[in-house]
């Protein structure tokens, strides 16, 4: 296994940051994070998978170290196309997508658009059945200084408070975790981009779309998830025709951080069998 230096690819006019843990000849996993997160959320499972798999961890725009563009159209479909184009540029075949939270929904969008590119998909507390933003919020996003409202709201929440909401065992929260999730928000441009994301996000795939996805799917959920409740996972399991579902006790929304050994073992078993 060789970690190439962190890389940037310009896709759809936006600089996309990714890390490639090269393992030639091995099955490729593409790791996609969730809302207000980055590839940092996979920091605990990457060391557990890097010797068995070829890993690519992507920062979706405008998150992590990817560009916070003021022109990119932040639909799930466009984000999925960023992932698709990166996979094609890296000449990855039969990729396995691993998506956490919003990243799970973007994974499903990618599979819907280009099913032939993907061998399997892993959904970790995936977003599901969310509708588009309410109209007043969409209209508000056009106000020139709306991004300052988003900044003020997120500052009021604070990274620590958000982390306390997404993990079950709060003793897991340390300074390294706080710093890792805070870092992308030190760039004010992200708040302008988030205003555009609120405006552009088209909502999750409909049940009829999900039922047409034949790609083998592994779903892992925290039973104490307060962001995407476990009932959403069970519903996705019913709608995805070729899926396996597991839930974890005493685990919240941030399953890659909270139970990395279990998650990595289930992923390996799912891919290698």
C-alpha atoms as a PDB file:
ATOM      1  CA  UNK A   1       0.000   0.000   0.000  1.00  0.00           C
ATOM      2  CA  UNK A   2       1.320   3.416  -0.990  1.00  0.00           C
ATOM      3  CA  UNK A   3      -0.229   6.734  -0.041  1.00  0.00           C
ATOM      4  CA  UNK A   4       0.264   9.112  -2.919  1.00  0.00           C
ATOM      5  CA  UNK A   5       0.544  12.705  -1.890  1.00  0.00           C
ATOM      6  CA  UNK A   6      -2.866  14.364  -1.542  1.00  0.00           C
ATOM      7  CA  UNK A   7      -4.070  15.289  -5.019  1.00  0.00           C
ATOM      8  CA  UNK A   8      -6.229  17.864  -6.755  1.00  0.00           C
ATOM      9  CA  UNK A   9      -8.261  17.280  -9.921  1.00  0.00           C
ATOM     10  CA  UNK A  10     -10.208  20.049 -11.630  1.00  0.00           C
ATOM     11  CA  UNK A  11     -13.654  18.624 -12.387  1.00  0.00           C
ATOM     12  CA  UNK A  12     -16.582  20.691 -13.668  1.00  0.00           C
ATOM     13  CA  UNK A  13     -14.391  23.742 -13.178  1.00  0.00           C
ATOM     14  CA  UNK A  14     -13.862  23.034  -9.466  1.00  0.00           C
ATOM     15  CA  UNK A  15     -10.698  21.871  -7.707  1.00  0.00           C
ATOM     16  CA  UNK A  16     -11.480  18.552  -6.035  1.00  0.00           C
ATOM     17  CA  UNK A  17      -9.218  17.271  -3.256  1.00  0.00           C
ATOM     18  CA  UNK A  18      -8.750  13.551  -2.752  1.00  0.00           C
ATOM     19  CA  UNK A  19      -6.379  11.092  -1.127  1.00  0.00           C
ATOM     20  CA  UNK A  20      -5.403   7.919  -2.951  1.00  0.00           C
ATOM     21  CA  UNK A  21      -4.076   4.992  -0.925  1.00  0.00           C
ATOM     22  CA  UNK A  22      -2.774   2.977  -3.851  1.00  0.00           C
ATOM     23  CA  UNK A  23      -2.885  -0.793  -3.712  1.00  0.00           C
ATOM     24  CA  UNK A  24      -2.549  -1.968  -7.319  1.00  0.00           C
ATOM     25  CA  UNK A  25      -4.561  -5.017  -8.288  1.00  0.00           C
ATOM     26  CA  UNK A  26      -6.883  -4.772  -5.298  1.00  0.00           C
ATOM     27  CA  UNK A  27     -10.583  -3.928  -5.242  1.00  0.00           C
ATOM     28  CA  UNK A  28     -11.129  -0.154  -5.254  1.00  0.00           C
ATOM     29  CA  UNK A  29     -13.218   1.593  -2.595  1.00  0.00           C
ATOM     30  CA  UNK A  30     -14.287   5.208  -3.062  1.00  0.00           C
ATOM     31  CA  UNK A  31     -15.105   6.871   0.267  1.00  0.00           C
ATOM     32  CA  UNK A  32     -17.667   9.690   0.230  1.00  0.00           C
ATOM     33  CA  UNK A  33     -18.407  11.760   3.333  1.00  0.00           C
ATOM     34  CA  UNK A  34     -21.573  13.481   4.502  1.00  0.00           C
ATOM     35  CA  UNK A  35     -22.909  17.008   4.995  1.00  0.00           C
ATOM     36  CA  UNK A  36     -20.649  19.391   6.982  1.00  0.00           C
ATOM     37  CA  UNK A  37     -17.961  16.706   6.932  1.00  0.00           C
ATOM     38  CA  UNK A  38     -14.989  15.623   4.828  1.00  0.00           C
ATOM     39  CA  UNK A  39     -12.810  12.596   4.138  1.00  0.00           C
ATOM     40  CA  UNK A  40     -11.546  13.133   7.707  1.00  0.00           C
ATOM     41  CA  UNK A  41     -14.560  11.107   8.895  1.00  0.00           C
ATOM     42  CA  UNK A  42     -12.908   7.961   7.483  1.00  0.00           C
ATOM     43  CA  UNK A  43      -9.631   8.453   9.353  1.00  0.00           C
ATOM     44  CA  UNK A  44     -10.249   5.399  11.579  1.00  0.00           C
ATOM     45  CA  UNK A  45     -11.314   2.887   8.943  1.00  0.00           C
ATOM     46  CA  UNK A  46      -8.711   3.797   6.319  1.00  0.00           C
ATOM     47  CA  UNK A  47      -5.867   2.201   8.363  1.00  0.00           C
ATOM     48  CA  UNK A  48      -8.001  -0.930   8.765  1.00  0.00           C
ATOM     49  CA  UNK A  49      -8.753  -1.291   5.039  1.00  0.00           C
ATOM     50  CA  UNK A  50      -5.682   0.104   3.285  1.00  0.00           C
ATOM     51  CA  UNK A  51      -3.749  -3.188   3.158  1.00  0.00           C
ATOM     52  CA  UNK A  52      -6.620  -5.094   1.524  1.00  0.00           C
ATOM     53  CA  UNK A  53      -8.045  -2.473  -0.823  1.00  0.00           C
ATOM     54  CA  UNK A  54      -7.197   0.367  -3.166  1.00  0.00           C
ATOM     55  CA  UNK A  55      -8.744   3.406  -1.408  1.00  0.00           C
ATOM     56  CA  UNK A  56      -9.790   6.804  -2.707  1.00  0.00           C
ATOM     57  CA  UNK A  57     -11.186   9.304  -0.163  1.00  0.00           C
ATOM     58  CA  UNK A  58     -12.859  12.330  -1.751  1.00  0.00           C
ATOM     59  CA  UNK A  59     -13.737  15.767  -0.387  1.00  0.00           C
ATOM     60  CA  UNK A  60     -16.975  16.768  -2.097  1.00  0.00           C
ATOM     61  CA  UNK A  61     -17.329  20.436  -3.001  1.00  0.00           C
ATOM     62  CA  UNK A  62     -17.561  22.673  -0.989  1.00  0.00           C
ATOM     63  CA  UNK A  63     -16.324  20.570   1.919  1.00  0.00           C
ATOM     64  CA  UNK A  64     -12.955  19.585   3.313  1.00  0.00           C
ATOM     65  CA  UNK A  65     -10.058  20.810   1.209  1.00  0.00           C
ATOM     66  CA  UNK A  66     -12.009  20.983  -2.049  1.00  0.00           C
ATOM     67  CA  UNK A  67     -12.767  24.352  -3.591  1.00  0.00           C
ATOM     68  CA  UNK A  68     -15.642  26.386  -2.134  1.00  0.00           C
ATOM     69  CA  UNK A  69     -16.846  27.521  -5.549  1.00  0.00           C
ATOM     70  CA  UNK A  70     -19.289  30.380  -6.057  1.00  0.00           C
ATOM     71  CA  UNK A  71     -20.299  29.065  -9.501  1.00  0.00           C
ATOM     72  CA  UNK A  72     -20.677  25.286  -9.032  1.00  0.00           C
ATOM     73  CA  UNK A  73     -24.276  24.027  -8.992  1.00  0.00           C
ATOM     74  CA  UNK A  74     -24.465  22.002  -5.765  1.00  0.00           C
ATOM     75  CA  UNK A  75     -27.037  19.394  -6.719  1.00  0.00           C
ATOM     76  CA  UNK A  76     -26.622  15.797  -5.627  1.00  0.00           C
ATOM     77  CA  UNK A  77     -26.553  14.878  -9.306  1.00  0.00           C
ATOM     78  CA  UNK A  78     -23.595  17.198  -9.961  1.00  0.00           C
ATOM     79  CA  UNK A  79     -21.744  15.923  -6.900  1.00  0.00           C
ATOM     80  CA  UNK A  80     -22.353  12.372  -8.114  1.00  0.00           C
ATOM     81  CA  UNK A  81     -20.940  13.369 -11.500  1.00  0.00           C
ATOM     82  CA  UNK A  82     -17.811  14.701  -9.790  1.00  0.00           C
ATOM     83  CA  UNK A  83     -17.343  11.263  -8.217  1.00  0.00           C
ATOM     84  CA  UNK A  84     -18.004   9.525 -11.545  1.00  0.00           C
ATOM     85  CA  UNK A  85     -15.509  11.693 -13.426  1.00  0.00           C
ATOM     86  CA  UNK A  86     -12.831  11.221 -10.770  1.00  0.00           C
ATOM     87  CA  UNK A  87     -13.283   7.441 -10.969  1.00  0.00           C
ATOM     88  CA  UNK A  88     -12.972   7.563 -14.736  1.00  0.00           C
ATOM     89  CA  UNK A  89      -9.844   9.715 -14.599  1.00  0.00           C
ATOM     90  CA  UNK A  90      -8.240   7.295 -12.155  1.00  0.00           C
ATOM     91  CA  UNK A  91      -9.248   4.428 -14.484  1.00  0.00           C
ATOM     92  CA  UNK A  92     -10.979   2.567 -11.709  1.00  0.00           C
ATOM     93  CA  UNK A  93     -13.207  -0.294 -12.767  1.00  0.00           C
ATOM     94  CA  UNK A  94     -15.946  -1.993 -10.730  1.00  0.00           C
ATOM     95  CA  UNK A  95     -15.596   0.505  -7.886  1.00  0.00           C
ATOM     96  CA  UNK A  96     -17.284   0.001  -4.536  1.00  0.00           C
ATOM     97  CA  UNK A  97     -18.803   3.211  -3.210  1.00  0.00           C
ATOM     98  CA  UNK A  98     -18.805   3.801   0.545  1.00  0.00           C
ATOM     99  CA  UNK A  99     -21.055   6.708   1.485  1.00  0.00           C
ATOM    100  CA  UNK A 100     -21.771   8.148   4.918  1.00  0.00           C
ATOM    101  CA  UNK A 101     -24.930  10.209   5.507  1.00  0.00           C
ATOM    102  CA  UNK A 102     -25.358  12.605   2.543  1.00  0.00           C
ATOM    103  CA  UNK A 103     -22.503  10.708   0.887  1.00  0.00           C
ATOM    104  CA  UNK A 104     -24.711   7.631   0.815  1.00  0.00           C
ATOM    105  CA  UNK A 105     -27.378   9.476  -1.126  1.00  0.00           C
ATOM    106  CA  UNK A 106     -24.777  10.839  -3.552  1.00  0.00           C
ATOM    107  CA  UNK A 107     -23.511   7.273  -3.996  1.00  0.00           C
ATOM    108  CA  UNK A 108     -27.023   6.192  -4.960  1.00  0.00           C
ATOM    109  CA  UNK A 109     -27.285   9.075  -7.426  1.00  0.00           C
ATOM    110  CA  UNK A 110     -23.983   7.977  -9.016  1.00  0.00           C
ATOM    111  CA  UNK A 111     -25.182   4.393  -9.328  1.00  0.00           C
ATOM    112  CA  UNK A 112     -28.499   5.508 -10.809  1.00  0.00           C
ATOM    113  CA  UNK A 113     -26.624   7.481 -13.482  1.00  0.00           C
ATOM    114  CA  UNK A 114     -23.805   5.010 -14.266  1.00  0.00           C
ATOM    115  CA  UNK A 115     -24.598   1.589 -12.759  1.00  0.00           C
ATOM    116  CA  UNK A 116     -22.021  -0.167 -14.951  1.00  0.00           C
ATOM    117  CA  UNK A 117     -19.175   1.607 -13.115  1.00  0.00           C
ATOM    118  CA  UNK A 118     -19.973   0.179  -9.708  1.00  0.00           C
ATOM    119  CA  UNK A 119     -19.718  -3.321  -8.295  1.00  0.00           C
ATOM    120  CA  UNK A 120     -21.256  -2.720  -4.867  1.00  0.00           C
ATOM    121  CA  UNK A 121     -22.249   0.091  -2.495  1.00  0.00           C
ATOM    122  CA  UNK A 122     -21.949   0.533   1.275  1.00  0.00           C
ATOM    123  CA  UNK A 123     -24.369   2.958   2.945  1.00  0.00           C
ATOM    124  CA  UNK A 124     -23.406   4.142   6.428  1.00  0.00           C
ATOM    125  CA  UNK A 125     -26.349   5.926   8.064  1.00  0.00           C
ATOM    126  CA  UNK A 126     -27.251   7.182   4.605  1.00  0.00           C
ATOM    127  CA  UNK A 127     -29.559  10.084   4.001  1.00  0.00           C
ATOM    128  CA  UNK A 128     -32.886   8.926   2.644  1.00  0.00           C
ATOM    129  CA  UNK A 129     -36.287  10.307   1.656  1.00  0.00           C
ATOM    130  CA  UNK A 130     -35.365  13.943   2.319  1.00  0.00           C
ATOM    131  CA  UNK A 131     -37.304  16.398   0.213  1.00  0.00           C
ATOM    132  CA  UNK A 132     -35.967  19.572  -1.334  1.00  0.00           C
ATOM    133  CA  UNK A 133     -35.374  22.579   0.928  1.00  0.00           C
ATOM    134  CA  UNK A 134     -38.566  24.526   1.774  1.00  0.00           C
ATOM    135  CA  UNK A 135     -39.371  27.312  -0.681  1.00  0.00           C
ATOM    136  CA  UNK A 136     -38.902  30.169   1.840  1.00  0.00           C
ATOM    137  CA  UNK A 137     -35.396  28.861   2.556  1.00  0.00           C
ATOM    138  CA  UNK A 138     -34.612  28.593  -1.163  1.00  0.00           C
ATOM    139  CA  UNK A 139     -35.858  32.148  -1.731  1.00  0.00           C
ATOM    140  CA  UNK A 140     -33.858  33.333   1.279  1.00  0.00           C
ATOM    141  CA  UNK A 141     -30.683  31.841  -0.173  1.00  0.00           C
ATOM    142  CA  UNK A 142     -30.820  34.481  -2.930  1.00  0.00           C
ATOM    143  CA  UNK A 143     -30.460  37.296  -0.396  1.00  0.00           C
ATOM    144  CA  UNK A 144     -26.895  38.682  -0.794  1.00  0.00           C
ATOM    145  CA  UNK A 145     -25.905  38.239   2.850  1.00  0.00           C
ATOM    146  CA  UNK A 146     -27.789  35.017   3.542  1.00  0.00           C
ATOM    147  CA  UNK A 147     -24.441  33.250   3.943  1.00  0.00           C
ATOM    148  CA  UNK A 148     -23.810  35.318   7.099  1.00  0.00           C
ATOM    149  CA  UNK A 149     -26.958  33.830   8.622  1.00  0.00           C
ATOM    150  CA  UNK A 150     -25.608  30.349   7.905  1.00  0.00           C
ATOM    151  CA  UNK A 151     -22.264  31.278   9.445  1.00  0.00           C
ATOM    152  CA  UNK A 152     -23.921  32.703  12.547  1.00  0.00           C
ATOM    153  CA  UNK A 153     -26.176  29.638  12.922  1.00  0.00           C
ATOM    154  CA  UNK A 154     -23.285  27.189  12.569  1.00  0.00           C
ATOM    155  CA  UNK A 155     -21.112  29.248  14.924  1.00  0.00           C
ATOM    156  CA  UNK A 156     -23.901  29.226  17.491  1.00  0.00           C
ATOM    157  CA  UNK A 157     -24.202  25.461  17.179  1.00  0.00           C
ATOM    158  CA  UNK A 158     -20.449  25.009  17.379  1.00  0.00           C
ATOM    159  CA  UNK A 159     -18.445  21.967  16.306  1.00  0.00           C
ATOM    160  CA  UNK A 160     -18.508  20.459  19.796  1.00  0.00           C
ATOM    161  CA  UNK A 161     -22.296  20.670  20.035  1.00  0.00           C
ATOM    162  CA  UNK A 162     -22.671  19.146  16.574  1.00  0.00           C
ATOM    163  CA  UNK A 163     -20.321  16.295  17.458  1.00  0.00           C
ATOM    164  CA  UNK A 164     -22.225  15.639  20.673  1.00  0.00           C
ATOM    165  CA  UNK A 165     -25.338  15.269  18.531  1.00  0.00           C
ATOM    166  CA  UNK A 166     -23.828  12.754  16.097  1.00  0.00           C
ATOM    167  CA  UNK A 167     -22.005  10.379  18.472  1.00  0.00           C
ATOM    168  CA  UNK A 168     -23.546   8.244  21.187  1.00  0.00           C
ATOM    169  CA  UNK A 169     -20.463   7.872  23.387  1.00  0.00           C
ATOM    170  CA  UNK A 170     -19.348  11.442  23.937  1.00  0.00           C
ATOM    171  CA  UNK A 171     -16.085  10.322  25.528  1.00  0.00           C
ATOM    172  CA  UNK A 172     -14.886   9.669  21.957  1.00  0.00           C
ATOM    173  CA  UNK A 173     -14.805  13.410  21.296  1.00  0.00           C
ATOM    174  CA  UNK A 174     -11.259  14.698  21.704  1.00  0.00           C
ATOM    175  CA  UNK A 175      -9.355  17.735  20.459  1.00  0.00           C
ATOM    176  CA  UNK A 176      -8.146  15.944  17.339  1.00  0.00           C
ATOM    177  CA  UNK A 177     -11.750  15.206  16.344  1.00  0.00           C
ATOM    178  CA  UNK A 178     -12.868  18.768  17.091  1.00  0.00           C
ATOM    179  CA  UNK A 179      -9.982  20.257  15.086  1.00  0.00           C
ATOM    180  CA  UNK A 180     -10.570  17.895  12.157  1.00  0.00           C
ATOM    181  CA  UNK A 181     -14.232  18.795  11.782  1.00  0.00           C
ATOM    182  CA  UNK A 182     -13.632  22.493  12.437  1.00  0.00           C
ATOM    183  CA  UNK A 183     -10.825  23.037   9.909  1.00  0.00           C
ATOM    184  CA  UNK A 184     -12.932  23.370   6.702  1.00  0.00           C
ATOM    185  CA  UNK A 185     -15.052  26.092   8.299  1.00  0.00           C
ATOM    186  CA  UNK A 186     -12.131  28.425   8.879  1.00  0.00           C
ATOM    187  CA  UNK A 187     -12.550  29.482   5.225  1.00  0.00           C
ATOM    188  CA  UNK A 188     -15.466  31.926   4.979  1.00  0.00           C
ATOM    189  CA  UNK A 189     -16.113  30.940   1.372  1.00  0.00           C
ATOM    190  CA  UNK A 190     -17.748  27.727   2.549  1.00  0.00           C
ATOM    191  CA  UNK A 191     -20.730  29.657   3.920  1.00  0.00           C
ATOM    192  CA  UNK A 192     -21.421  31.257   0.530  1.00  0.00           C
ATOM    193  CA  UNK A 193     -21.207  27.817  -1.044  1.00  0.00           C
ATOM    194  CA  UNK A 194     -23.575  26.348   1.561  1.00  0.00           C
ATOM    195  CA  UNK A 195     -26.142  28.991   0.621  1.00  0.00           C
ATOM    196  CA  UNK A 196     -25.917  27.707  -2.953  1.00  0.00           C
ATOM    197  CA  UNK A 197     -26.197  24.096  -1.763  1.00  0.00           C
ATOM    198  CA  UNK A 198     -29.415  24.931   0.099  1.00  0.00           C
ATOM    199  CA  UNK A 199     -30.709  26.516  -3.112  1.00  0.00           C
ATOM    200  CA  UNK A 200     -29.654  23.710  -5.459  1.00  0.00           C
ATOM    201  CA  UNK A 201     -30.125  20.456  -3.506  1.00  0.00           C
ATOM    202  CA  UNK A 202     -32.904  18.570  -5.258  1.00  0.00           C
ATOM    203  CA  UNK A 203     -33.808  16.052  -2.561  1.00  0.00           C
ATOM    204  CA  UNK A 204     -33.185  12.342  -2.138  1.00  0.00           C
ATOM    205  CA  UNK A 205     -34.070   9.627  -4.628  1.00  0.00           C
ATOM    206  CA  UNK A 206     -37.691   8.530  -4.664  1.00  0.00           C
ATOM    207  CA  UNK A 207     -38.708   4.983  -3.690  1.00  0.00           C
ATOM    208  CA  UNK A 208     -39.399   4.124  -7.329  1.00  0.00           C
ATOM    209  CA  UNK A 209     -35.802   5.066  -8.176  1.00  0.00           C
ATOM    210  CA  UNK A 210     -34.395   3.040  -5.292  1.00  0.00           C
ATOM    211  CA  UNK A 211     -36.329  -0.062  -6.278  1.00  0.00           C
ATOM    212  CA  UNK A 212     -34.622  -0.031  -9.681  1.00  0.00           C
ATOM    213  CA  UNK A 213     -31.099  -0.105  -8.192  1.00  0.00           C
ATOM    214  CA  UNK A 214     -29.831  -3.675  -8.552  1.00  0.00           C
ATOM    215  CA  UNK A 215     -26.313  -2.988  -7.226  1.00  0.00           C
ATOM    216  CA  UNK A 216     -25.601  -5.133  -4.125  1.00  0.00           C
ATOM    217  CA  UNK A 217     -25.899  -2.848  -1.094  1.00  0.00           C
ATOM    218  CA  UNK A 218     -24.649  -3.098   2.488  1.00  0.00           C
ATOM    219  CA  UNK A 219     -26.413  -0.849   5.016  1.00  0.00           C
ATOM    220  CA  UNK A 220     -24.935  -0.195   8.475  1.00  0.00           C
ATOM    221  CA  UNK A 221     -26.749   1.967  11.011  1.00  0.00           C
ATOM    222  CA  UNK A 222     -26.364   3.207  14.555  1.00  0.00           C
ATOM    223  CA  UNK A 223     -29.455   2.414  16.595  1.00  0.00           C
ATOM    224  CA  UNK A 224     -29.026   5.709  18.472  1.00  0.00           C
ATOM    225  CA  UNK A 225     -28.699   7.805  15.311  1.00  0.00           C
ATOM    226  CA  UNK A 226     -30.481  11.119  15.927  1.00  0.00           C
ATOM    227  CA  UNK A 227     -29.670  12.567  12.492  1.00  0.00           C
ATOM    228  CA  UNK A 228     -30.886   9.765  10.218  1.00  0.00           C
ATOM    229  CA  UNK A 229     -32.906   7.428  12.460  1.00  0.00           C
ATOM    230  CA  UNK A 230     -32.526   3.682  12.091  1.00  0.00           C
ATOM    231  CA  UNK A 231     -36.071   3.493  10.678  1.00  0.00           C
ATOM    232  CA  UNK A 232     -34.741   5.249   7.573  1.00  0.00           C
ATOM    233  CA  UNK A 233     -32.149   2.513   7.175  1.00  0.00           C
ATOM    234  CA  UNK A 234     -34.795  -0.195   7.494  1.00  0.00           C
ATOM    235  CA  UNK A 235     -36.929   1.555   4.889  1.00  0.00           C
ATOM    236  CA  UNK A 236     -33.966   1.840   2.508  1.00  0.00           C
ATOM    237  CA  UNK A 237     -33.302  -1.858   3.075  1.00  0.00           C
ATOM    238  CA  UNK A 238     -36.871  -2.595   1.970  1.00  0.00           C
ATOM    239  CA  UNK A 239     -36.647  -0.369  -1.110  1.00  0.00           C
ATOM    240  CA  UNK A 240     -33.198  -1.484  -2.288  1.00  0.00           C
ATOM    241  CA  UNK A 241     -33.871  -4.933  -3.781  1.00  0.00           C
ATOM    242  CA  UNK A 242     -30.397  -6.412  -3.275  1.00  0.00           C
ATOM    243  CA  UNK A 243     -29.437  -5.144   0.189  1.00  0.00           C
ATOM    244  CA  UNK A 244     -28.167  -6.367   3.550  1.00  0.00           C
ATOM    245  CA  UNK A 245     -28.861  -4.423   6.749  1.00  0.00           C
ATOM    246  CA  UNK A 246     -27.025  -4.301  10.092  1.00  0.00           C
ATOM    247  CA  UNK A 247     -27.618  -2.053  13.084  1.00  0.00           C
ATOM    248  CA  UNK A 248     -25.308  -1.294  15.998  1.00  0.00           C
ATOM    249  CA  UNK A 249     -26.320  -0.786  19.602  1.00  0.00           C
ATOM    250  CA  UNK A 250     -24.997   2.196  21.548  1.00  0.00           C
ATOM    251  CA  UNK A 251     -23.932   3.856  18.306  1.00  0.00           C
ATOM    252  CA  UNK A 252     -24.991   7.170  16.829  1.00  0.00           C
ATOM    253  CA  UNK A 253     -24.734   8.737  13.398  1.00  0.00           C
ATOM    254  CA  UNK A 254     -20.949   8.808  13.025  1.00  0.00           C
ATOM    255  CA  UNK A 255     -20.466   5.050  12.620  1.00  0.00           C
ATOM    256  CA  UNK A 256     -17.023   5.228  10.908  1.00  0.00           C
ATOM    257  CA  UNK A 257     -15.689   7.033  13.994  1.00  0.00           C
ATOM    258  CA  UNK A 258     -17.677   5.178  16.648  1.00  0.00           C
ATOM    259  CA  UNK A 259     -17.256   1.563  15.529  1.00  0.00           C
ATOM    260  CA  UNK A 260     -14.412   1.446  12.981  1.00  0.00           C
ATOM    261  CA  UNK A 261     -13.480  -2.194  13.631  1.00  0.00           C
ATOM    262  CA  UNK A 262     -17.025  -3.471  13.131  1.00  0.00           C
ATOM    263  CA  UNK A 263     -17.638  -1.271  10.099  1.00  0.00           C
ATOM    264  CA  UNK A 264     -14.366  -2.191   8.381  1.00  0.00           C
ATOM    265  CA  UNK A 265     -14.912  -5.923   9.071  1.00  0.00           C
ATOM    266  CA  UNK A 266     -18.423  -5.809   7.591  1.00  0.00           C
ATOM    267  CA  UNK A 267     -17.193  -3.890   4.558  1.00  0.00           C
ATOM    268  CA  UNK A 268     -14.374  -6.377   3.942  1.00  0.00           C
ATOM    269  CA  UNK A 269     -16.708  -9.367   4.325  1.00  0.00           C
ATOM    270  CA  UNK A 270     -19.270  -7.810   2.003  1.00  0.00           C
ATOM    271  CA  UNK A 271     -16.751  -7.039  -0.716  1.00  0.00           C
ATOM    272  CA  UNK A 272     -14.700 -10.185  -0.564  1.00  0.00           C
ATOM    273  CA  UNK A 273     -17.610 -12.654  -0.520  1.00  0.00           C
END
